[in-house]
Amino acid sequence: MRGQWSADPAELEHAHEREPRNRGQGRPWKPGGPVPAPVISTLPVRSRSRGRWDGDGMGGDRMTFVRRLAEFAVACRDGELPAAVREDVPGRVLDVLGNCLAAYADPDGDAAPAVLRAVRRWGGAGEATAIGSGDRLPAPSAALVNGTLAHALDFDDTHLPSVLHPSASVVPAALAAAQSMAALRADPATGQDASHAQPDVPGMRPDVPGMRPDAAQRVGASGVELIAAVAAGVEVCGRLGMASYLPQERNSLFFEQGQHATSICGTLGAAVAAGVLFGLTADGIAHAVGVAASMGAGLLEANRTGGTVKRVHCGWAAHAGVSAAVLAAEGLTGPPTVLEGRFGFFQAWLGGRYDAEALLEGLGERWELLRTVYKPYPTNHFTHPVIDCALALQRGGLDPSRIAEVEVGVPGPVLRTIAEPWEEKVRPRSPYHAKFSAPYTVAAALLGGGGLGLALEDFAALDPARLELAGRVRCVADERASEIFPKAFAAVVRVRLRDGSTLEHRVDSSRGGPEHPLSAAELETKFRSNAGRALPEGQVGELAEAVTKLGAGGTADDVLARTVRAAS
């Protein structure tokens, strides 16, 4: 049974008397109208401990959302990962590392170098490694640098149902947390273990707050634990994003309101991953998420009118997630109803409209991580089906000199990202902003795009011929593509030739999407191409091998040591 009721603890015991609601949302809400109470799930709890938070008024099967997510994360660490998930995660790590190295080597990159200069000014203990440069930084700072690198080229994986990029926040946070395990317990003045001096926080161990009993004896995080942490963090991140997708709106409410779900939800996913690696108990992880929820942020306006800040969003999410987990380990606490409460996450970001079942149903059984797809092109994912259509026409023998005009049909909700404002999309202000332009990307594919398709080199500079053709591109909402979105990203491209004839190509699922996933060989080619921009070929192979060994005795240190070019 599911009900809609206030998160006020005083009302919880009477919740069963409330009128049940349909799946998905509470009362319909319009601007200016009364704010609906949040939807609180009473789906059966599969937790083994079925614990409760002190003072929250919840016990038995009625747990707060964050507690259920935290217990799921602990179960992941305790070995309850399906084989398919264990085998999938190293590929996520490898893809992120390749993207980071390509961004580090980008001669025109500006966001990541700015972040690296900033964290060098901040200083601090050398706990974790910055990819590429090899700087030893405090864990939150390393997560900031590496998360920025991971997202800088817009080449990171995408969870289509939530329309967000989970790995670019979660993997950098997990790597930094894994490396900094020992530092978390050390007294900053003496460098000695200070676990005995920590305060007693309700629901946490008094010797090491929020940590499981064996945490104080652990030297560092294993590769197996790193895999579990990434799996838990990516899953939580994707499900938080899914909760914002309302079928009747055919869009994510985050996206509808200009909020970057990738960084907002990524902050909480990063906190989960870091909490798992720091050895936090379910209470500790729940507190980490409760703290992280006050730190998540991200606006999408830079996609429309310029600015480099969007490239830092995943870095900030990773930074905030690691920071929140450290703070929780030191005794800072979060509200038990941080997600569903009257002034909680879903109310603050989404006005109380969210899908609780999307967040919790099948948690630990149906894995959204496995529905997270890899990008074949270094552009905004909404442009990918457009590129596929254009490449098919180009490879079919289309002579670009015969093109009179082009019509691009895409899902209605994505027009604001890849087609508006029109003047910004037909003449992007930088190569980076061209990645978010349907007119420019379709022109680039029609004019070239051999081999595997558009590559990083296609966005090294703005090409005059592509800009000229982009000015003859018109973007419209396509009904069929809109109906499919976001289960898959679809598009149609119609080309009117100078003789009056028309050519058309349609795809219902872009390359790399659920119907056409990239092969292992294609993913290896992508990684080697990206990593090879910063590392010699032999070291690229060593890095790939270190990642594959994470489940068999390898560690984050083994991996990150190979992300810095070896001295010749």
Protein backbone atom coordinates (compact mmCIF):
# COMPACT_ATOMS: atom_id res chain seq x y z
CA MET A 1 0.00 0.00 0.00
CA ARG A 2 1.14 3.51 -0.75
CA GLY A 3 -0.21 6.67 0.75
CA GLN A 4 0.21 10.40 0.55
CA TRP A 5 0.78 12.02 3.87
CA SER A 6 2.74 14.67 5.69
CA ALA A 7 6.29 13.90 6.73
CA ASP A 8 5.55 15.36 10.17
CA PRO A 9 6.56 12.59 12.63
CA ALA A 10 3.46 13.27 14.71
CA GLU A 11 1.26 12.14 11.83
CA LEU A 12 3.17 9.03 10.86
CA GLU A 13 1.30 6.59 13.06
CA HIS A 14 -2.00 7.60 11.40
CA ALA A 15 -0.69 7.28 7.87
CA HIS A 16 -2.60 4.08 7.16
CA GLU A 17 -5.88 6.02 7.52
CA ARG A 18 -5.05 8.28 4.58
CA GLU A 19 -6.54 7.95 1.12
CA PRO A 20 -4.21 5.91 -1.12
CA ARG A 21 -2.91 7.65 -4.23
CA ASN A 22 -2.03 6.44 -7.69
CA ARG A 23 1.50 5.63 -8.66
CA GLY A 24 3.78 8.56 -9.14
CA GLN A 25 2.67 11.80 -7.57
CA GLY A 26 0.62 13.47 -4.92
CA ARG A 27 -2.04 16.10 -5.64
CA PRO A 28 -1.60 17.98 -8.93
CA TRP A 29 0.08 21.30 -8.28
CA LYS A 30 0.13 24.55 -10.19
CA PRO A 31 2.21 27.66 -9.53
CA GLY A 32 0.46 29.77 -6.94
CA GLY A 33 -1.59 26.87 -5.63
CA PRO A 34 -1.18 25.04 -2.31
CA VAL A 35 1.97 22.96 -2.06
CA PRO A 36 1.13 19.23 -1.97
CA ALA A 37 2.38 17.02 0.81
CA PRO A 38 5.18 14.74 -0.34
CA VAL A 39 4.54 11.19 -1.41
CA ILE A 40 5.96 8.72 1.09
CA SER A 41 6.35 5.11 0.09
CA THR A 42 5.19 2.22 2.24
CA LEU A 43 6.41 -0.43 -0.16
CA PRO A 44 7.57 -3.58 1.63
CA VAL A 45 11.03 -3.20 3.11
CA ARG A 46 13.53 -5.92 2.24
CA SER A 47 16.14 -4.69 4.70
CA ARG A 48 17.64 -7.23 7.03
CA SER A 49 17.98 -4.91 10.02
CA ARG A 50 14.81 -2.85 9.60
CA GLY A 51 16.29 -0.29 11.92
CA ARG A 52 15.02 3.16 12.80
CA TRP A 53 16.38 6.62 13.35
CA ASP A 54 16.29 7.98 16.88
CA GLY A 55 13.38 10.35 17.26
CA ASP A 56 11.96 9.99 13.76
CA GLY A 57 8.80 8.22 14.77
CA MET A 58 9.42 5.46 12.25
CA GLY A 59 9.86 1.82 12.99
CA GLY A 60 9.15 -1.56 11.51
CA ASP A 61 8.39 -1.48 7.80
CA ARG A 62 7.99 2.31 7.53
CA MET A 63 11.46 3.67 6.90
CA THR A 64 12.44 6.99 5.50
CA PHE A 65 13.67 6.97 1.93
CA VAL A 66 17.26 7.80 2.84
CA ARG A 67 17.44 4.93 5.33
CA ARG A 68 16.31 2.47 2.67
CA LEU A 69 18.90 3.77 0.22
CA ALA A 70 21.57 3.56 2.91
CA GLU A 71 20.73 -0.04 3.78
CA PHE A 72 20.85 -0.88 0.10
CA ALA A 73 24.35 0.62 -0.08
CA VAL A 74 25.51 -1.42 2.92
CA ALA A 75 24.11 -4.56 1.30
CA CYS A 76 26.15 -3.78 -1.82
CA ARG A 77 29.30 -3.54 0.30
CA ASP A 78 28.43 -6.76 2.09
CA GLY A 79 28.59 -8.67 -1.17
CA GLU A 80 25.02 -8.60 -2.43
CA LEU A 81 25.92 -7.61 -6.00
CA PRO A 82 24.69 -9.63 -8.98
CA ALA A 83 27.45 -10.93 -11.23
CA ALA A 84 26.25 -8.71 -14.07
CA VAL A 85 26.72 -5.62 -11.90
CA ARG A 86 30.15 -6.68 -10.65
CA GLU A 87 31.26 -7.24 -14.24
CA ASP A 88 29.78 -3.96 -15.47
CA VAL A 89 31.38 -1.51 -13.04
CA PRO A 90 35.03 -1.78 -14.17
CA GLY A 91 33.88 -0.66 -17.62
CA ARG A 92 32.33 2.44 -16.05
CA VAL A 93 35.60 3.20 -14.28
CA LEU A 94 37.60 2.70 -17.46
CA ASP A 95 35.31 4.96 -19.50
CA VAL A 96 35.59 7.73 -16.89
CA LEU A 97 39.38 7.44 -16.75
CA GLY A 98 39.63 7.65 -20.53
CA ASN A 99 37.42 10.73 -20.59
CA CYS A 100 39.49 12.32 -17.81
CA LEU A 101 42.76 11.75 -19.63
CA ALA A 102 41.42 13.10 -22.91
CA ALA A 103 40.18 16.21 -21.11
CA TYR A 104 43.51 16.62 -19.32
CA ALA A 105 45.30 16.56 -22.69
CA ASP A 106 42.82 18.95 -24.36
CA PRO A 107 44.89 21.99 -25.42
CA ASP A 108 41.77 24.16 -25.46
CA GLY A 109 40.42 23.00 -22.12
CA ASP A 110 39.80 25.82 -19.68
CA ALA A 111 37.53 24.57 -16.87
CA ALA A 112 39.71 21.72 -15.59
CA PRO A 113 42.96 23.74 -15.58
CA ALA A 114 41.18 26.52 -13.68
CA VAL A 115 39.98 24.02 -11.08
CA LEU A 116 43.44 22.50 -10.73
CA ARG A 117 45.00 25.92 -10.20
CA ALA A 118 42.37 26.70 -7.55
CA VAL A 119 42.87 23.52 -5.53
CA ARG A 120 46.64 24.03 -5.63
CA ARG A 121 46.06 27.40 -4.00
CA TRP A 122 43.88 25.82 -1.35
CA GLY A 123 46.53 23.22 -0.48
CA GLY A 124 45.97 20.55 2.15
CA ALA A 125 46.97 16.98 2.91
CA GLY A 126 47.93 14.75 -0.01
CA GLU A 127 45.29 12.05 0.28
CA ALA A 128 44.30 11.30 -3.32
CA THR A 129 45.58 11.66 -6.89
CA ALA A 130 44.56 14.17 -9.54
CA ILE A 131 44.34 12.32 -12.85
CA GLY A 132 46.88 13.42 -15.44
CA SER A 133 48.84 15.90 -13.36
CA GLY A 134 49.55 13.52 -10.49
CA ASP A 135 48.97 16.20 -7.82
CA ARG A 136 48.37 14.75 -4.37
CA LEU A 137 45.39 16.58 -2.91
CA PRO A 138 42.82 16.35 -0.13
CA ALA A 139 40.19 13.82 -1.17
CA PRO A 140 37.44 16.41 -1.85
CA SER A 141 39.84 18.46 -3.98
CA ALA A 142 40.96 15.43 -5.99
CA ALA A 143 37.30 14.54 -6.54
CA LEU A 144 36.65 18.10 -7.74
CA VAL A 145 39.48 17.98 -10.28
CA ASN A 146 38.72 14.48 -11.54
CA GLY A 147 34.96 15.01 -11.71
CA THR A 148 35.53 18.15 -13.76
CA LEU A 149 37.79 16.22 -16.13
CA ALA A 150 35.24 13.40 -16.39
CA HIS A 151 32.47 15.71 -17.62
CA ALA A 152 34.52 18.35 -19.44
CA LEU A 153 34.22 16.83 -22.92
CA ASP A 154 30.59 15.71 -22.58
CA PHE A 155 31.68 12.17 -23.41
CA ASP A 156 30.42 10.53 -20.19
CA ASP A 157 27.78 7.80 -19.91
CA THR A 158 24.04 8.51 -19.64
CA HIS A 159 21.18 6.92 -17.73
CA LEU A 160 18.41 7.48 -20.27
CA PRO A 161 15.32 7.09 -18.01
CA SER A 162 16.55 9.92 -15.78
CA VAL A 163 18.45 11.83 -18.50
CA LEU A 164 21.54 12.28 -16.35
CA HIS A 165 25.21 11.28 -16.30
CA PRO A 166 25.92 9.30 -13.11
CA SER A 167 29.45 7.94 -13.46
CA ALA A 168 31.23 11.28 -13.93
CA SER A 169 30.35 12.25 -10.35
CA VAL A 170 30.31 8.87 -8.63
CA VAL A 171 33.53 7.32 -9.99
CA PRO A 172 35.80 10.30 -9.14
CA ALA A 173 34.27 10.46 -5.66
CA ALA A 174 34.78 6.73 -5.14
CA LEU A 175 38.40 6.83 -6.32
CA ALA A 176 39.24 9.75 -4.03
CA ALA A 177 37.48 8.15 -1.06
CA ALA A 178 39.19 4.80 -1.65
CA GLN A 179 42.62 6.43 -1.64
CA SER A 180 41.92 8.51 1.45
CA MET A 181 40.61 5.75 3.72
CA ALA A 182 43.57 5.92 6.12
CA ALA A 183 43.57 9.71 6.20
CA LEU A 184 39.97 9.80 7.36
CA ARG A 185 40.92 8.30 10.72
CA ALA A 186 44.11 10.27 11.27
CA ASP A 187 44.49 13.22 13.63
CA PRO A 188 45.46 16.13 11.31
CA ALA A 189 47.98 17.40 13.87
CA THR A 190 49.78 14.14 14.62
CA GLY A 191 48.88 11.87 11.72
CA GLN A 192 47.98 9.18 14.29
CA ASP A 193 44.74 7.24 14.44
CA ALA A 194 42.26 9.41 16.30
CA SER A 195 39.25 7.11 16.22
CA HIS A 196 39.13 6.82 20.02
CA ALA A 197 38.51 10.56 20.39
CA GLN A 198 35.35 10.82 18.32
CA PRO A 199 31.98 11.80 19.87
CA ASP A 200 29.09 9.43 20.35
CA VAL A 201 26.52 10.21 17.66
CA PRO A 202 23.10 8.48 17.90
CA GLY A 203 23.07 5.36 15.76
CA MET A 204 26.84 5.46 15.24
CA ARG A 205 29.79 3.74 16.84
CA PRO A 206 31.42 5.90 19.53
CA ASP A 207 34.97 4.94 18.54
CA VAL A 208 34.64 5.80 14.83
CA PRO A 209 31.37 7.65 14.22
CA GLY A 210 29.14 6.03 11.67
CA MET A 211 31.71 3.36 10.80
CA ARG A 212 31.21 -0.36 10.86
CA PRO A 213 32.96 -2.31 13.64
CA ASP A 214 36.03 -3.34 11.63
CA ALA A 215 36.63 0.04 9.97
CA ALA A 216 39.32 1.18 12.41
CA GLN A 217 41.41 -1.89 11.62
CA ARG A 218 41.23 -1.52 7.84
CA VAL A 219 44.28 -0.22 5.99
CA GLY A 220 42.54 0.85 2.80
CA ALA A 221 39.67 0.11 0.48
CA SER A 222 39.91 -2.94 -1.74
CA GLY A 223 39.03 -3.02 -5.41
CA VAL A 224 36.00 -5.14 -4.57
CA GLU A 225 34.77 -2.43 -2.20
CA LEU A 226 35.41 0.20 -4.87
CA ILE A 227 33.22 -1.75 -7.28
CA ALA A 228 30.47 -2.00 -4.66
CA ALA A 229 30.69 1.72 -3.91
CA VAL A 230 30.44 2.73 -7.56
CA ALA A 231 27.52 0.35 -8.08
CA ALA A 232 25.62 1.75 -5.10
CA GLY A 233 26.35 5.38 -5.97
CA VAL A 234 25.41 5.09 -9.64
CA GLU A 235 22.21 3.22 -8.78
CA VAL A 236 21.10 5.79 -6.20
CA CYS A 237 21.96 8.65 -8.55
CA GLY A 238 19.94 7.20 -11.42
CA ARG A 239 16.94 6.37 -9.26
CA LEU A 240 16.84 9.87 -7.77
CA GLY A 241 16.74 11.19 -11.31
CA MET A 242 14.03 8.72 -12.33
CA ALA A 243 11.84 9.91 -9.47
CA SER A 244 11.71 13.31 -11.17
CA TYR A 245 10.42 11.99 -14.50
CA LEU A 246 6.65 12.41 -14.86
CA PRO A 247 5.13 10.50 -17.81
CA GLN A 248 2.35 13.02 -18.36
CA GLU A 249 4.95 15.78 -18.67
CA ARG A 250 7.18 13.63 -20.91
CA ASN A 251 10.08 15.24 -19.20
CA SER A 252 12.20 15.38 -16.07
CA LEU A 253 11.04 18.11 -13.71
CA PHE A 254 14.68 18.91 -12.99
CA PHE A 255 15.26 19.47 -16.69
CA GLU A 256 11.97 21.34 -17.13
CA GLN A 257 13.05 23.87 -14.53
CA GLY A 258 16.60 24.34 -15.78
CA GLN A 259 18.15 22.26 -13.01
CA HIS A 260 21.06 19.95 -13.81
CA ALA A 261 19.96 16.59 -12.43
CA THR A 262 23.42 15.20 -13.17
CA SER A 263 25.07 17.33 -10.51
CA ILE A 264 22.14 17.58 -8.10
CA CYS A 265 21.52 13.83 -7.91
CA GLY A 266 25.20 13.11 -8.49
CA THR A 267 26.07 14.80 -5.21
CA LEU A 268 23.94 12.30 -3.32
CA GLY A 269 25.24 9.35 -5.34
CA ALA A 270 28.80 10.48 -4.65
CA ALA A 271 28.05 10.68 -0.92
CA VAL A 272 26.73 7.11 -1.00
CA ALA A 273 29.85 5.85 -2.78
CA ALA A 274 32.20 7.67 -0.41
CA GLY A 275 30.24 6.50 2.62
CA VAL A 276 30.50 2.89 1.50
CA LEU A 277 34.27 3.19 1.13
CA PHE A 278 34.75 5.04 4.41
CA GLY A 279 33.13 2.08 6.14
CA LEU A 280 30.08 4.00 7.34
CA THR A 281 27.14 2.08 8.75
CA ALA A 282 23.65 2.49 7.29
CA ASP A 283 23.08 5.34 9.75
CA GLY A 284 26.35 6.96 8.73
CA ILE A 285 25.58 6.72 5.00
CA ALA A 286 22.11 8.11 5.61
CA HIS A 287 23.64 11.07 7.44
CA ALA A 288 26.13 11.56 4.60
CA VAL A 289 23.27 11.76 2.11
CA GLY A 290 21.38 14.05 4.48
CA VAL A 291 24.35 16.41 4.54
CA ALA A 292 24.99 16.12 0.80
CA ALA A 293 21.42 17.09 -0.02
CA SER A 294 22.18 20.60 1.26
CA MET A 295 25.18 20.82 -1.08
CA GLY A 296 23.90 19.62 -4.46
CA ALA A 297 23.40 22.26 -7.16
CA GLY A 298 23.59 22.95 -10.88
CA LEU A 299 21.87 25.19 -13.44
CA LEU A 300 21.65 24.50 -17.18
CA GLU A 301 21.71 28.06 -18.50
CA ALA A 302 25.33 27.69 -19.61
CA ASN A 303 24.14 25.17 -22.22
CA ARG A 304 22.03 27.91 -23.76
CA THR A 305 23.91 31.17 -23.51
CA GLY A 306 27.50 30.33 -22.61
CA GLY A 307 29.89 29.93 -19.72
CA THR A 308 32.27 27.18 -18.66
CA VAL A 309 30.71 26.44 -15.26
CA LYS A 310 28.64 23.49 -16.47
CA ARG A 311 31.86 21.54 -17.05
CA VAL A 312 32.57 21.76 -13.30
CA HIS A 313 29.18 20.37 -12.23
CA CYS A 314 30.27 16.74 -11.86
CA GLY A 315 33.44 17.85 -10.13
CA TRP A 316 31.45 19.83 -7.61
CA ALA A 317 29.08 16.89 -7.08
CA ALA A 318 32.01 14.56 -6.41
CA HIS A 319 33.65 17.15 -4.13
CA ALA A 320 30.45 17.73 -2.16
CA GLY A 321 29.69 14.02 -1.89
CA VAL A 322 33.11 13.17 -0.48
CA SER A 323 32.96 16.18 1.85
CA ALA A 324 29.53 15.14 3.12
CA ALA A 325 30.74 11.61 3.86
CA VAL A 326 33.78 12.93 5.74
CA LEU A 327 31.57 15.29 7.74
CA ALA A 328 29.16 12.47 8.56
CA ALA A 329 32.08 10.32 9.71
CA GLU A 330 33.13 13.16 12.01
CA GLY A 331 29.67 13.41 13.55
CA LEU A 332 27.62 15.81 11.40
CA THR A 333 24.06 14.58 10.95
CA GLY A 334 21.29 15.05 8.42
CA PRO A 335 17.50 14.99 8.77
CA PRO A 336 15.91 11.53 8.56
CA THR A 337 13.29 12.78 6.09
CA VAL A 338 15.81 14.68 3.97
CA LEU A 339 14.29 13.36 0.74
CA GLU A 340 10.53 13.23 1.33
CA GLY A 341 10.14 15.79 4.12
CA ARG A 342 8.08 18.98 3.99
CA PHE A 343 11.25 20.99 3.37
CA GLY A 344 13.26 18.12 1.92
CA PHE A 345 14.98 17.35 -1.37
CA PHE A 346 11.92 16.52 -3.48
CA GLN A 347 9.92 19.45 -2.17
CA ALA A 348 12.73 21.95 -2.64
CA TRP A 349 13.73 20.87 -6.15
CA LEU A 350 10.50 19.45 -7.58
CA GLY A 351 7.70 21.12 -5.65
CA GLY A 352 6.74 17.81 -4.07
CA ARG A 353 5.98 16.12 -7.40
CA TYR A 354 7.92 12.89 -7.73
CA ASP A 355 7.61 9.16 -8.28
CA ALA A 356 8.44 7.27 -5.10
CA GLU A 357 8.18 3.87 -6.75
CA ALA A 358 10.77 4.82 -9.35
CA LEU A 359 13.12 5.58 -6.47
CA LEU A 360 12.54 2.44 -4.42
CA GLU A 361 10.73 -0.28 -6.34
CA GLY A 362 12.97 -3.25 -7.11
CA LEU A 363 15.93 -1.66 -5.34
CA GLY A 364 18.70 -4.25 -5.31
CA GLU A 365 16.81 -6.49 -7.75
CA ARG A 366 16.30 -4.40 -10.90
CA TRP A 367 19.47 -2.46 -11.62
CA GLU A 368 19.27 0.90 -13.34
CA LEU A 369 23.06 0.88 -13.57
CA LEU A 370 22.70 -1.75 -16.28
CA ARG A 371 20.51 0.64 -18.27
CA THR A 372 23.21 3.31 -18.27
CA VAL A 373 24.64 3.62 -21.78
CA TYR A 374 27.98 4.75 -23.15
CA LYS A 375 28.43 7.64 -25.57
CA PRO A 376 29.92 7.04 -29.02
CA TYR A 377 30.20 10.77 -29.76
CA PRO A 378 31.60 13.59 -27.55
CA THR A 379 28.43 15.68 -27.76
CA ASN A 380 25.24 16.24 -25.82
CA HIS A 381 23.36 12.94 -25.87
CA PHE A 382 20.24 14.52 -27.37
CA THR A 383 22.23 15.17 -30.56
CA HIS A 384 23.26 11.52 -31.00
CA PRO A 385 20.24 10.27 -32.98
CA VAL A 386 20.53 13.38 -35.14
CA ILE A 387 24.17 12.54 -35.84
CA ASP A 388 23.23 8.92 -36.60
CA CYS A 389 20.65 10.04 -39.16
CA ALA A 390 23.05 12.46 -40.82
CA LEU A 391 25.87 9.91 -40.95
CA ALA A 392 23.54 7.38 -42.59
CA LEU A 393 22.61 9.92 -45.27
CA GLN A 394 26.23 10.95 -45.79
CA ARG A 395 27.44 7.38 -46.07
CA GLY A 396 24.61 6.66 -48.48
CA GLY A 397 26.25 8.96 -50.99
CA LEU A 398 24.65 12.34 -50.24
CA ASP A 399 26.57 15.15 -51.94
CA PRO A 400 26.66 18.06 -49.45
CA SER A 401 26.83 20.57 -52.32
CA ARG A 402 23.30 19.53 -53.35
CA ILE A 403 21.75 20.35 -49.95
CA ALA A 404 19.27 23.22 -49.97
CA GLU A 405 18.00 22.92 -46.40
CA VAL A 406 17.74 20.42 -43.56
CA GLU A 407 14.91 19.67 -41.14
CA VAL A 408 15.73 17.92 -37.86
CA GLY A 409 12.92 16.30 -35.88
CA VAL A 410 13.63 15.50 -32.22
CA PRO A 411 11.65 14.95 -28.99
CA GLY A 412 9.88 18.16 -28.01
CA PRO A 413 11.45 18.36 -24.52
CA VAL A 414 15.01 18.48 -25.92
CA LEU A 415 14.50 21.44 -28.25
CA ARG A 416 15.38 23.91 -25.52
CA THR A 417 18.77 22.24 -25.09
CA ILE A 418 19.90 21.62 -28.67
CA ALA A 419 17.85 24.13 -30.69
CA GLU A 420 17.28 27.17 -28.48
CA PRO A 421 18.10 30.03 -28.43
CA TRP A 422 18.27 29.78 -32.21
CA GLU A 423 20.97 32.39 -32.69
CA GLU A 424 23.22 30.56 -30.21
CA LYS A 425 22.72 27.19 -31.89
CA VAL A 426 23.32 28.19 -35.52
CA ARG A 427 26.47 30.08 -34.56
CA PRO A 428 27.82 28.48 -31.35
CA ARG A 429 30.14 30.74 -29.37
CA SER A 430 32.77 28.03 -28.89
CA PRO A 431 33.61 24.48 -30.01
CA TYR A 432 32.31 23.25 -26.66
CA HIS A 433 28.94 24.91 -27.14
CA ALA A 434 28.77 23.39 -30.63
CA LYS A 435 28.38 20.03 -28.87
CA PHE A 436 24.95 21.22 -27.68
CA SER A 437 23.78 22.40 -31.10
CA ALA A 438 21.61 20.22 -33.34
CA PRO A 439 22.25 22.51 -36.34
CA TYR A 440 26.03 22.34 -35.94
CA THR A 441 26.29 18.61 -35.17
CA VAL A 442 24.01 17.61 -38.05
CA ALA A 443 26.05 19.84 -40.37
CA ALA A 444 29.29 18.29 -39.12
CA ALA A 445 27.98 14.78 -39.75
CA LEU A 446 26.60 15.61 -43.21
CA LEU A 447 29.90 17.17 -44.26
CA GLY A 448 32.19 14.45 -42.89
CA GLY A 449 31.87 11.84 -40.24
CA GLY A 450 33.76 8.89 -41.67
CA GLY A 451 34.95 5.92 -39.62
CA LEU A 452 33.25 5.70 -36.24
CA GLY A 453 31.53 9.08 -36.63
CA LEU A 454 32.16 12.43 -34.98
CA ALA A 455 35.25 12.53 -32.77
CA LEU A 456 36.98 14.99 -30.47
CA GLU A 457 38.87 16.42 -33.45
CA ASP A 458 35.56 17.52 -34.96
CA PHE A 459 35.17 19.98 -32.08
CA ALA A 460 38.69 21.35 -31.90
CA ALA A 461 37.54 24.49 -33.74
CA LEU A 462 34.43 25.93 -35.37
CA ASP A 463 34.46 25.10 -39.07
CA PRO A 464 33.17 27.81 -41.48
CA ALA A 465 31.57 25.27 -43.83
CA ARG A 466 29.68 23.66 -40.96
CA LEU A 467 28.53 27.03 -39.68
CA GLU A 468 27.23 27.93 -43.14
CA LEU A 469 25.24 24.69 -43.43
CA ALA A 470 24.02 25.01 -39.82
CA GLY A 471 22.32 28.24 -40.87
CA ARG A 472 20.14 26.19 -43.24
CA VAL A 473 18.98 23.73 -40.56
CA ARG A 474 15.52 23.91 -38.99
CA CYS A 475 14.62 21.98 -35.81
CA VAL A 476 11.09 20.82 -34.99
CA ALA A 477 9.36 18.58 -32.46
CA ASP A 478 8.74 15.11 -33.89
CA GLU A 479 5.75 13.23 -32.51
CA ARG A 480 7.22 9.76 -32.82
CA ALA A 481 10.52 10.76 -31.22
CA SER A 482 8.62 12.49 -28.42
CA GLU A 483 6.61 9.34 -27.68
CA ILE A 484 9.77 7.25 -27.40
CA PHE A 485 11.68 9.73 -25.19
CA PRO A 486 13.35 9.09 -22.73
CA LYS A 487 13.29 5.29 -23.07
CA ALA A 488 15.51 5.90 -26.07
CA PHE A 489 16.68 8.97 -27.94
CA ALA A 490 15.14 9.14 -31.42
CA ALA A 491 15.24 11.60 -34.33
CA VAL A 492 14.52 12.10 -38.02
CA VAL A 493 16.55 14.14 -40.52
CA ARG A 494 15.01 15.32 -43.78
CA VAL A 495 17.23 16.87 -46.44
CA ARG A 496 15.72 18.90 -49.28
CA LEU A 497 18.03 18.97 -52.27
CA ARG A 498 18.47 21.83 -54.70
CA ASP A 499 16.52 19.92 -57.37
CA GLY A 500 13.48 19.78 -55.06
CA SER A 501 13.79 16.10 -54.10
CA THR A 502 13.95 14.97 -50.47
CA LEU A 503 16.01 12.41 -48.59
CA GLU A 504 15.06 11.18 -45.12
CA HIS A 505 16.49 8.93 -42.43
CA ARG A 506 14.99 8.08 -39.05
CA VAL A 507 16.37 6.26 -35.99
CA ASP A 508 14.28 5.18 -33.01
CA SER A 509 17.25 4.42 -30.76
CA SER A 510 20.61 6.10 -31.15
CA ARG A 511 23.87 4.26 -31.52
CA GLY A 512 25.08 3.26 -28.07
CA GLY A 513 21.49 3.29 -26.80
CA PRO A 514 19.50 0.37 -25.37
CA GLU A 515 18.76 -1.12 -28.80
CA HIS A 516 22.25 -0.59 -30.21
CA PRO A 517 24.78 -0.79 -27.34
CA LEU A 518 28.43 -0.24 -28.09
CA SER A 519 30.40 -3.47 -28.38
CA ALA A 520 33.33 -4.35 -26.15
CA ALA A 521 35.64 -3.64 -29.07
CA GLU A 522 34.10 -0.19 -29.62
CA LEU A 523 34.42 0.66 -25.93
CA GLU A 524 38.05 -0.43 -25.94
CA THR A 525 38.71 1.71 -29.02
CA LYS A 526 37.08 4.69 -27.31
CA PHE A 527 39.14 4.23 -24.13
CA ARG A 528 42.45 3.73 -25.94
CA SER A 529 41.83 6.74 -28.16
CA ASN A 530 40.98 8.95 -25.18
CA ALA A 531 43.68 7.73 -22.79
CA GLY A 532 46.26 7.75 -25.57
CA ARG A 533 45.99 11.53 -25.80
CA ALA A 534 47.76 11.79 -22.44
CA LEU A 535 49.63 8.51 -21.99
CA PRO A 536 51.99 6.37 -24.09
CA GLU A 537 50.46 3.25 -25.61
CA GLY A 538 52.12 0.85 -23.19
CA GLN A 539 50.88 2.73 -20.15
CA VAL A 540 47.35 2.84 -21.59
CA GLY A 541 47.43 -0.95 -21.64
CA GLU A 542 48.74 -1.09 -18.07
CA LEU A 543 45.93 1.19 -16.92
CA ALA A 544 43.30 -0.98 -18.58
CA GLU A 545 44.79 -4.08 -16.95
CA ALA A 546 44.82 -2.42 -13.51
CA VAL A 547 41.11 -1.63 -13.84
CA THR A 548 40.25 -5.19 -14.86
CA LYS A 549 42.01 -6.44 -11.71
CA LEU A 550 39.87 -4.37 -9.32
CA GLY A 551 37.74 -7.41 -8.56
CA ALA A 552 40.78 -9.64 -8.04
CA GLY A 553 43.07 -7.89 -5.58
CA GLY A 554 43.61 -4.58 -7.36
CA THR A 555 43.13 -1.21 -5.66
CA ALA A 556 42.41 2.40 -6.50
CA ASP A 557 46.08 3.19 -5.87
CA ASP A 558 47.09 0.64 -8.52
CA VAL A 559 44.75 2.31 -11.00
CA LEU A 560 45.49 5.96 -10.29
CA ALA A 561 49.25 5.44 -10.28
CA ARG A 562 48.89 4.65 -13.98
CA THR A 563 46.92 7.79 -14.84
CA VAL A 564 50.05 9.95 -14.61
CA ARG A 565 52.53 9.84 -17.47
CA ALA A 566 55.59 7.89 -16.35
CA ALA A 567 58.92 9.70 -16.47
CA SER A 568 60.86 8.74 -19.59
